[in-house]
Amino acid sequence: MVKRNKSREYTQKEVEEQFTTYITSCIHYWENEKRVPDIRGKLKGLAHSILVGIDGESLNLPKFILAPDPHPDDKPDNTRQGRNYFPENHKSKVKCNISGELHESL
């Protein structure tokens, strides 16, 4: 009889690693894609692949929540200057938010 591990939720670190691994594989793919020889085409392909991952269309990743999270001073500063401002989401309770330091882990 095969003993199975108890199912559990991924940790934030594990989700971050899966996401950055996906991005790294996209970079490798587009770097070596011969059907798109020009740099702009490769960059557009890479950007599209990243959005596919965020949108949950990749086999390896779920859909991610992507919402603005402006600095708390953004709304009052922009209101005072008569400019539009981004919606605030910093009070939302999102589990496993991997944003903020992804650029450092890639």
Protein backbone atom coordinates (compact mmCIF):
# COMPACT_ATOMS: atom_id res chain seq x y z
CA MET A 1 0.00 0.00 0.00
CA VAL A 2 1.34 3.44 -0.97
CA LYS A 3 1.28 6.00 1.81
CA ARG A 4 0.10 9.40 0.59
CA ASN A 5 1.15 12.67 2.13
CA LYS A 6 -1.62 14.76 3.60
CA SER A 7 -2.75 17.43 1.16
CA ARG A 8 -1.91 20.99 2.20
CA GLU A 9 -1.95 24.52 0.92
CA TYR A 10 1.22 25.77 -0.78
CA THR A 11 3.25 28.23 1.26
CA GLN A 12 3.80 31.76 0.02
CA LYS A 13 7.43 30.89 -0.74
CA GLU A 14 6.38 27.84 -2.79
CA VAL A 15 3.90 29.90 -4.81
CA GLU A 16 6.54 32.56 -5.42
CA GLU A 17 9.00 29.88 -6.57
CA GLN A 18 6.43 28.33 -8.93
CA PHE A 19 5.62 31.73 -10.42
CA THR A 20 9.26 32.75 -10.92
CA THR A 21 10.04 29.31 -12.38
CA TYR A 22 7.24 29.88 -14.90
CA ILE A 23 8.67 33.31 -15.80
CA THR A 24 12.17 31.83 -16.16
CA SER A 25 10.82 29.13 -18.49
CA CYS A 26 9.06 31.83 -20.57
CA ILE A 27 12.33 33.75 -20.86
CA HIS A 28 14.15 30.61 -22.00
CA TYR A 29 11.41 29.80 -24.52
CA TRP A 30 11.34 33.25 -26.12
CA GLU A 31 15.13 33.58 -26.10
CA ASN A 32 15.35 30.41 -28.21
CA GLU A 33 12.20 30.82 -30.35
CA LYS A 34 13.48 30.74 -33.97
CA ARG A 35 10.13 31.55 -35.62
CA VAL A 36 10.29 35.07 -34.12
CA PRO A 37 13.74 36.42 -34.96
CA ASP A 38 13.29 40.11 -34.08
CA ILE A 39 13.74 41.47 -30.54
CA ARG A 40 10.40 43.31 -30.47
CA GLY A 41 8.53 40.15 -31.44
CA LYS A 42 10.33 38.18 -28.73
CA LEU A 43 9.55 40.84 -26.11
CA LYS A 44 5.89 40.91 -27.12
CA GLY A 45 5.81 37.12 -26.92
CA LEU A 46 7.40 37.16 -23.48
CA ALA A 47 4.95 39.80 -22.23
CA HIS A 48 2.04 37.76 -23.61
CA SER A 49 3.33 34.61 -21.94
CA ILE A 50 3.59 36.40 -18.58
CA LEU A 51 0.00 37.64 -18.92
CA VAL A 52 -1.13 34.11 -19.85
CA GLY A 53 0.40 32.89 -16.57
CA ILE A 54 -1.32 35.63 -14.53
CA ASP A 55 -4.64 34.97 -16.30
CA GLY A 56 -4.56 31.29 -15.34
CA GLU A 57 -4.22 29.98 -18.88
CA SER A 58 -0.98 28.14 -18.13
CA LEU A 59 -1.23 24.49 -17.17
CA ASN A 60 1.10 24.99 -14.21
CA LEU A 61 -0.40 28.07 -12.54
CA PRO A 62 -3.79 29.17 -11.27
CA LYS A 63 -5.30 32.55 -12.12
CA PHE A 64 -3.73 35.29 -10.00
CA ILE A 65 -5.45 38.31 -8.47
CA LEU A 66 -3.99 41.48 -9.93
CA ALA A 67 -5.30 44.74 -8.47
CA PRO A 68 -3.82 48.17 -7.80
CA ASP A 69 -2.38 48.74 -4.35
CA PRO A 70 -1.38 52.41 -4.29
CA HIS A 71 0.49 54.09 -1.48
CA PRO A 72 -1.95 55.38 1.20
CA ASP A 73 -0.95 58.98 0.33
CA ASP A 74 -1.92 58.52 -3.35
CA LYS A 75 -5.64 59.28 -3.00
CA PRO A 76 -5.37 62.38 -0.78
CA ASP A 77 -2.46 63.81 -2.82
CA ASN A 78 -4.23 63.30 -6.15
CA THR A 79 -7.57 64.53 -4.79
CA ARG A 80 -5.91 67.71 -3.54
CA GLN A 81 -4.39 68.27 -6.99
CA GLY A 82 -7.65 67.48 -8.83
CA ARG A 83 -6.25 64.33 -10.46
CA ASN A 84 -7.72 60.86 -10.71
CA TYR A 85 -6.39 58.13 -8.42
CA PHE A 86 -6.23 54.35 -8.36
CA PRO A 87 -8.69 52.31 -6.28
CA GLU A 88 -7.36 51.28 -2.88
CA ASN A 89 -7.02 47.60 -2.09
CA HIS A 90 -4.50 47.58 0.76
CA LYS A 91 -7.23 46.71 3.28
CA SER A 92 -8.32 43.61 1.34
CA LYS A 93 -7.57 40.23 2.90
CA VAL A 94 -5.76 38.32 0.18
CA LYS A 95 -4.00 35.09 1.11
CA CYS A 96 -0.53 34.43 -0.29
CA ASN A 97 0.19 37.80 -1.90
CA ILE A 98 3.46 37.21 -3.73
CA SER A 99 3.77 40.70 -5.19
CA GLY A 100 6.24 43.27 -3.99
CA GLU A 101 9.52 41.39 -4.19
CA LEU A 102 9.18 39.16 -7.26
CA HIS A 103 11.68 41.28 -9.19
CA GLU A 104 14.30 40.44 -6.57
CA SER A 105 13.69 36.69 -6.65
CA LEU A 106 13.90 36.41 -10.45
